[in-house]
PDB file of N, CA and C in Angstrom:
ATOM      1  N   MET A   1      95.269  85.868  87.727  1.00  0.00           N
ATOM      2  CA  MET A   1      95.391  87.254  88.112  1.00  0.00           C
ATOM      3  C   MET A   1      96.788  87.466  88.775  1.00  0.00           C
ATOM      4  N   PHE A   2      97.741  86.750  88.241  1.00  0.00           N
ATOM      5  CA  PHE A   2      99.137  86.935  88.686  1.00  0.00           C
ATOM      6  C   PHE A   2      99.608  88.307  88.455  1.00  0.00           C
ATOM      7  N   VAL A   3      99.261  88.885  87.359  1.00  0.00           N
ATOM      8  CA  VAL A   3      99.676  90.257  86.983  1.00  0.00           C
ATOM      9  C   VAL A   3      99.202  91.231  88.042  1.00  0.00           C
ATOM     10  N   ASN A   4      97.924  91.123  88.420  1.00  0.00           N
ATOM     11  CA  ASN A   4      97.387  92.013  89.456  1.00  0.00           C
ATOM     12  C   ASN A   4      98.190  91.871  90.743  1.00  0.00           C
ATOM     13  N   ALA A   5      98.468  90.681  91.154  1.00  0.00           N
ATOM     14  CA  ALA A   5      99.224  90.472  92.434  1.00  0.00           C
ATOM     15  C   ALA A   5     100.563  91.102  92.324  1.00  0.00           C
ATOM     16  N   GLU A   6     101.246  90.920  91.235  1.00  0.00           N
ATOM     17  CA  GLU A   6     102.575  91.461  91.050  1.00  0.00           C
ATOM     18  C   GLU A   6     102.554  92.955  91.044  1.00  0.00           C
ATOM     19  N   LEU A   7     101.586  93.558  90.333  1.00  0.00           N
ATOM     20  CA  LEU A   7     101.401  94.975  90.294  1.00  0.00           C
ATOM     21  C   LEU A   7     101.172  95.545  91.695  1.00  0.00           C
ATOM     22  N   ILE A   8     100.324  94.908  92.456  1.00  0.00           N
ATOM     23  CA  ILE A   8      99.987  95.342  93.832  1.00  0.00           C
ATOM     24  C   ILE A   8     101.267  95.259  94.654  1.00  0.00           C
ATOM     25  N   ARG A   9     102.035  94.166  94.520  1.00  0.00           N
ATOM     26  CA  ARG A   9     103.251  94.028  95.304  1.00  0.00           C
ATOM     27  C   ARG A   9     104.237  95.225  94.985  1.00  0.00           C
ATOM     28  N   GLN A  10     104.353  95.524  93.752  1.00  0.00           N
ATOM     29  CA  GLN A  10     105.281  96.674  93.347  1.00  0.00           C
ATOM     30  C   GLN A  10     104.735  97.981  93.859  1.00  0.00           C
ATOM     31  N   LEU A  11     103.462  98.217  93.763  1.00  0.00           N
ATOM     32  CA  LEU A  11     102.917  99.490  94.240  1.00  0.00           C
ATOM     33  C   LEU A  11     103.025  99.572  95.726  1.00  0.00           C
ATOM     34  N   ARG A  12     102.882  98.466  96.477  1.00  0.00           N
ATOM     35  CA  ARG A  12     103.025  98.515  97.915  1.00  0.00           C
ATOM     36  C   ARG A  12     104.500  98.824  98.313  1.00  0.00           C
ATOM     37  N   LEU A  13     105.390  98.325  97.545  1.00  0.00           N
ATOM     38  CA  LEU A  13     106.841  98.669  97.767  1.00  0.00           C
ATOM     39  C   LEU A  13     107.062 100.169  97.655  1.00  0.00           C
ATOM     40  N   LEU A  14     106.452 100.740  96.597  1.00  0.00           N
ATOM     41  CA  LEU A  14     106.598 102.177  96.388  1.00  0.00           C
ATOM     42  C   LEU A  14     105.925 102.949  97.492  1.00  0.00           C
ATOM     43  N   ALA A  15     104.759 102.501  97.990  1.00  0.00           N
ATOM     44  CA  ALA A  15     104.036 103.131  99.094  1.00  0.00           C
ATOM     45  C   ALA A  15     104.874 103.097 100.345  1.00  0.00           C
ATOM     46  N   ALA A  16     105.537 101.949 100.592  1.00  0.00           N
ATOM     47  CA  ALA A  16     106.374 101.859 101.780  1.00  0.00           C
ATOM     48  C   ALA A  16     107.566 102.775 101.657  1.00  0.00           C
ATOM     49  N   TYR A  17     108.118 102.869 100.451  1.00  0.00           N
ATOM     50  CA  TYR A  17     109.277 103.760 100.230  1.00  0.00           C
ATOM     51  C   TYR A  17     108.909 105.197 100.589  1.00  0.00           C
ATOM     52  N   TYR A  18     107.728 105.654 100.062  1.00  0.00           N
ATOM     53  CA  TYR A  18     107.351 107.041 100.310  1.00  0.00           C
ATOM     54  C   TYR A  18     106.980 107.263 101.781  1.00  0.00           C
ATOM     55  N   ARG A  19     106.372 106.230 102.417  1.00  0.00           N
ATOM     56  CA  ARG A  19     105.961 106.365 103.808  1.00  0.00           C
ATOM     57  C   ARG A  19     107.170 106.504 104.737  1.00  0.00           C
ATOM     58  N   TYR A  20     108.201 105.703 104.488  1.00  0.00           N
ATOM     59  CA  TYR A  20     109.273 105.622 105.448  1.00  0.00           C
ATOM     60  C   TYR A  20     110.493 106.512 105.109  1.00  0.00           C
ATOM     61  N   THR A  21     110.596 107.002 103.873  1.00  0.00           N
ATOM     62  CA  THR A  21     111.785 107.779 103.552  1.00  0.00           C
ATOM     63  C   THR A  21     111.470 109.271 103.495  1.00  0.00           C
ATOM     64  N   ASP A  22     110.263 109.613 103.295  1.00  0.00           N
ATOM     65  CA  ASP A  22     109.954 111.053 103.127  1.00  0.00           C
ATOM     66  C   ASP A  22     108.559 111.316 103.764  1.00  0.00           C
ATOM     67  N   LYS A  23     108.559 111.788 104.993  1.00  0.00           N
ATOM     68  CA  LYS A  23     107.299 112.063 105.665  1.00  0.00           C
ATOM     69  C   LYS A  23     106.443 113.099 104.998  1.00  0.00           C
ATOM     70  N   ALA A  24     107.038 113.976 104.154  1.00  0.00           N
ATOM     71  CA  ALA A  24     106.284 114.951 103.456  1.00  0.00           C
ATOM     72  C   ALA A  24     105.446 114.279 102.352  1.00  0.00           C
ATOM     73  N   ASN A  25     105.785 113.057 101.989  1.00  0.00           N
ATOM     74  CA  ASN A  25     105.047 112.399 100.900  1.00  0.00           C
ATOM     75  C   ASN A  25     104.050 111.359 101.447  1.00  0.00           C
ATOM     76  N   ARG A  26     103.546 111.562 102.641  1.00  0.00           N
ATOM     77  CA  ARG A  26     102.624 110.567 103.174  1.00  0.00           C
ATOM     78  C   ARG A  26     101.344 110.463 102.358  1.00  0.00           C
ATOM     79  N   PHE A  27     100.916 111.569 101.737  1.00  0.00           N
ATOM     80  CA  PHE A  27      99.721 111.511 100.893  1.00  0.00           C
ATOM     81  C   PHE A  27      99.987 110.705  99.609  1.00  0.00           C
ATOM     82  N   ARG A  28     101.212 110.740  99.138  1.00  0.00           N
ATOM     83  CA  ARG A  28     101.576 109.937  98.004  1.00  0.00           C
ATOM     84  C   ARG A  28     101.505 108.451  98.367  1.00  0.00           C
ATOM     85  N   ALA A  29     101.990 108.123  99.555  1.00  0.00           N
ATOM     86  CA  ALA A  29     101.967 106.733 100.000  1.00  0.00           C
ATOM     87  C   ALA A  29     100.492 106.289 100.117  1.00  0.00           C
ATOM     88  N   LEU A  30      99.632 107.137 100.606  1.00  0.00           N
ATOM     89  CA  LEU A  30      98.217 106.791 100.703  1.00  0.00           C
ATOM     90  C   LEU A  30      97.597 106.594  99.324  1.00  0.00           C
ATOM     91  N   ALA A  31      98.064 107.376  98.344  1.00  0.00           N
ATOM     92  CA  ALA A  31      97.514 107.241  97.010  1.00  0.00           C
ATOM     93  C   ALA A  31      97.889 105.865  96.425  1.00  0.00           C
ATOM     94  N   TYR A  32      99.122 105.405  96.697  1.00  0.00           N
ATOM     95  CA  TYR A  32      99.569 104.099  96.200  1.00  0.00           C
ATOM     96  C   TYR A  32      98.778 103.007  96.886  1.00  0.00           C
ATOM     97  N   GLU A  33      98.526 103.161  98.177  1.00  0.00           N
ATOM     98  CA  GLU A  33      97.708 102.160  98.927  1.00  0.00           C
ATOM     99  C   GLU A  33      96.317 102.062  98.343  1.00  0.00           C
ATOM    100  N   ARG A  34      95.733 103.236  98.047  1.00  0.00           N
ATOM    101  CA  ARG A  34      94.370 103.293  97.478  1.00  0.00           C
ATOM    102  C   ARG A  34      94.355 102.604  96.134  1.00  0.00           C
ATOM    103  N   ALA A  35      95.369 102.847  95.316  1.00  0.00           N
ATOM    104  CA  ALA A  35      95.407 102.158  94.017  1.00  0.00           C
ATOM    105  C   ALA A  35      95.538 100.651  94.172  1.00  0.00           C
ATOM    106  N   CYS A  36      96.253 100.178  95.212  1.00  0.00           N
ATOM    107  CA  CYS A  36      96.360  98.748  95.474  1.00  0.00           C
ATOM    108  C   CYS A  36      94.968  98.172  95.846  1.00  0.00           C
ATOM    109  N   LYS A  37      94.254  98.867  96.674  1.00  0.00           N
ATOM    110  CA  LYS A  37      92.954  98.400  97.087  1.00  0.00           C
ATOM    111  C   LYS A  37      92.005  98.292  95.887  1.00  0.00           C
ATOM    112  N   GLU A  38      92.076  99.254  95.020  1.00  0.00           N
ATOM    113  CA  GLU A  38      91.228  99.297  93.798  1.00  0.00           C
ATOM    114  C   GLU A  38      91.599  98.097  92.865  1.00  0.00           C
ATOM    115  N   ILE A  39      92.877  97.844  92.728  1.00  0.00           N
ATOM    116  CA  ILE A  39      93.248  96.718  91.860  1.00  0.00           C
ATOM    117  C   ILE A  39      92.875  95.432  92.479  1.00  0.00           C
ATOM    118  N   GLU A  40      92.965  95.303  93.810  1.00  0.00           N
ATOM    119  CA  GLU A  40      92.547  94.063  94.517  1.00  0.00           C
ATOM    120  C   GLU A  40      91.110  93.785  94.285  1.00  0.00           C
ATOM    121  N   SER A  41      90.286  94.818  94.146  1.00  0.00           N
ATOM    122  CA  SER A  41      88.819  94.642  94.015  1.00  0.00           C
ATOM    123  C   SER A  41      88.426  94.263  92.592  1.00  0.00           C
ATOM    124  N   LEU A  42      89.343  94.347  91.644  1.00  0.00           N
ATOM    125  CA  LEU A  42      88.977  93.999  90.266  1.00  0.00           C
ATOM    126  C   LEU A  42      88.730  92.521  90.123  1.00  0.00           C
ATOM    127  N   ASN A  43      87.762  92.165  89.271  1.00  0.00           N
ATOM    128  CA  ASN A  43      87.546  90.758  88.999  1.00  0.00           C
ATOM    129  C   ASN A  43      88.043  90.335  87.626  1.00  0.00           C
ATOM    130  N   TYR A  44      89.007  91.122  87.137  1.00  0.00           N
ATOM    131  CA  TYR A  44      89.629  90.827  85.876  1.00  0.00           C
ATOM    132  C   TYR A  44      91.107  91.176  85.944  1.00  0.00           C
ATOM    133  N   ASP A  45      91.872  90.715  85.021  1.00  0.00           N
ATOM    134  CA  ASP A  45      93.297  90.970  84.980  1.00  0.00           C
ATOM    135  C   ASP A  45      93.570  92.351  84.409  1.00  0.00           C
ATOM    136  N   VAL A  46      94.433  93.124  84.966  1.00  0.00           N
ATOM    137  CA  VAL A  46      94.720  94.475  84.481  1.00  0.00           C
ATOM    138  C   VAL A  46      95.247  94.500  83.088  1.00  0.00           C
ATOM    139  N   THR A  47      95.856  93.385  82.608  1.00  0.00           N
ATOM    140  CA  THR A  47      96.335  93.379  81.257  1.00  0.00           C
ATOM    141  C   THR A  47      95.253  93.593  80.238  1.00  0.00           C
ATOM    142  N   GLN A  48      94.045  93.229  80.578  1.00  0.00           N
ATOM    143  CA  GLN A  48      92.922  93.483  79.675  1.00  0.00           C
ATOM    144  C   GLN A  48      92.735  94.951  79.344  1.00  0.00           C
ATOM    145  N   ILE A  49      92.850  95.823  80.338  1.00  0.00           N
ATOM    146  CA  ILE A  49      92.657  97.233  80.116  1.00  0.00           C
ATOM    147  C   ILE A  49      94.011  97.934  79.755  1.00  0.00           C
ATOM    148  N   HIS A  50      95.106  97.313  80.164  1.00  0.00           N
ATOM    149  CA  HIS A  50      96.437  97.873  79.815  1.00  0.00           C
ATOM    150  C   HIS A  50      96.596  97.849  78.242  1.00  0.00           C
ATOM    151  N   GLU A  51      96.181  96.808  77.671  1.00  0.00           N
ATOM    152  CA  GLU A  51      96.311  96.676  76.184  1.00  0.00           C
ATOM    153  C   GLU A  51      95.512  97.781  75.446  1.00  0.00           C
ATOM    154  N   ASP A  52      94.465  98.257  76.102  1.00  0.00           N
ATOM    155  CA  ASP A  52      93.603  99.328  75.494  1.00  0.00           C
ATOM    156  C   ASP A  52      94.047 100.701  76.025  1.00  0.00           C
ATOM    157  N   ASN A  53      95.218 100.770  76.734  1.00  0.00           N
ATOM    158  CA  ASN A  53      95.609 102.027  77.377  1.00  0.00           C
ATOM    159  C   ASN A  53      94.572 102.656  78.231  1.00  0.00           C
ATOM    160  N   ARG A  54      93.898 101.879  79.055  1.00  0.00           N
ATOM    161  CA  ARG A  54      92.798 102.390  79.878  1.00  0.00           C
ATOM    162  C   ARG A  54      93.080 102.155  81.376  1.00  0.00           C
ATOM    163  N   LEU A  55      94.333 101.971  81.779  1.00  0.00           N
ATOM    164  CA  LEU A  55      94.592 101.760  83.173  1.00  0.00           C
ATOM    165  C   LEU A  55      94.107 102.954  84.015  1.00  0.00           C
ATOM    166  N   ASP A  56      94.078 104.135  83.437  1.00  0.00           N
ATOM    167  CA  ASP A  56      93.582 105.319  84.203  1.00  0.00           C
ATOM    168  C   ASP A  56      92.111 105.259  84.467  1.00  0.00           C
ATOM    169  N   ALA A  57      91.407 104.266  83.913  1.00  0.00           N
ATOM    170  CA  ALA A  57      90.000 104.117  84.225  1.00  0.00           C
ATOM    171  C   ALA A  57      89.764 103.468  85.608  1.00  0.00           C
ATOM    172  N   ILE A  58      90.817 102.910  86.118  1.00  0.00           N
ATOM    173  CA  ILE A  58      90.732 102.326  87.468  1.00  0.00           C
ATOM    174  C   ILE A  58      90.796 103.490  88.500  1.00  0.00           C
ATOM    175  N   PRO A  59      89.826 103.598  89.376  1.00  0.00           N
ATOM    176  CA  PRO A  59      89.894 104.652  90.389  1.00  0.00           C
ATOM    177  C   PRO A  59      91.189 104.562  91.200  1.00  0.00           C
ATOM    178  N   GLY A  60      91.800 105.666  91.457  1.00  0.00           N
ATOM    179  CA  GLY A  60      93.041 105.685  92.220  1.00  0.00           C
ATOM    180  C   GLY A  60      94.309 105.616  91.386  1.00  0.00           C
ATOM    181  N   ILE A  61      94.157 105.368  90.071  1.00  0.00           N
ATOM    182  CA  ILE A  61      95.291 105.308  89.195  1.00  0.00           C
ATOM    183  C   ILE A  61      95.348 106.624  88.435  1.00  0.00           C
ATOM    184  N   GLY A  62      96.137 107.548  88.978  1.00  0.00           N
ATOM    185  CA  GLY A  62      96.328 108.855  88.373  1.00  0.00           C
ATOM    186  C   GLY A  62      97.565 108.931  87.464  1.00  0.00           C
ATOM    187  N   LYS A  63      97.920 110.048  86.958  1.00  0.00           N
ATOM    188  CA  LYS A  63      99.024 110.234  86.084  1.00  0.00           C
ATOM    189  C   LYS A  63     100.350 109.729  86.653  1.00  0.00           C
ATOM    190  N   SER A  64     100.613 110.105  87.910  1.00  0.00           N
ATOM    191  CA  SER A  64     101.866 109.745  88.551  1.00  0.00           C
ATOM    192  C   SER A  64     102.023 108.240  88.677  1.00  0.00           C
ATOM    193  N   ILE A  65     100.975 107.569  89.164  1.00  0.00           N
ATOM    194  CA  ILE A  65     101.035 106.116  89.315  1.00  0.00           C
ATOM    195  C   ILE A  65     101.070 105.443  87.946  1.00  0.00           C
ATOM    196  N   LEU A  66     100.321 105.956  87.035  1.00  0.00           N
ATOM    197  CA  LEU A  66     100.273 105.377  85.666  1.00  0.00           C
ATOM    198  C   LEU A  66     101.683 105.388  85.044  1.00  0.00           C
ATOM    199  N   LEU A  67     102.413 106.468  85.298  1.00  0.00           N
ATOM    200  CA  LEU A  67     103.800 106.502  84.736  1.00  0.00           C
ATOM    201  C   LEU A  67     104.724 105.432  85.322  1.00  0.00           C
ATOM    202  N   LYS A  68     104.420 104.949  86.506  1.00  0.00           N
ATOM    203  CA  LYS A  68     105.247 103.955  87.140  1.00  0.00           C
ATOM    204  C   LYS A  68     104.860 102.514  86.715  1.00  0.00           C
ATOM    205  N   ILE A  69     103.708 102.362  86.123  1.00  0.00           N
ATOM    206  CA  ILE A  69     103.239 101.011  85.778  1.00  0.00           C
ATOM    207  C   ILE A  69     103.807 100.588  84.467  1.00  0.00           C
TER     208      ILE A  69
END
């Protein structure tokens, strides 16, 4: 599940960026944190659903986050 861990690391970096650089985007930072928690709870590698273009099936992965993945 290395891919999951790396994806979570990248999303947390983006969450930190939004949290500390633009206070108006605190809800965006929270959305990235929520996506991280959802990915952490998966018992499979995200590449399984990425290949089927189904990453948006993960709760917390909306259009904006999906574009960054």
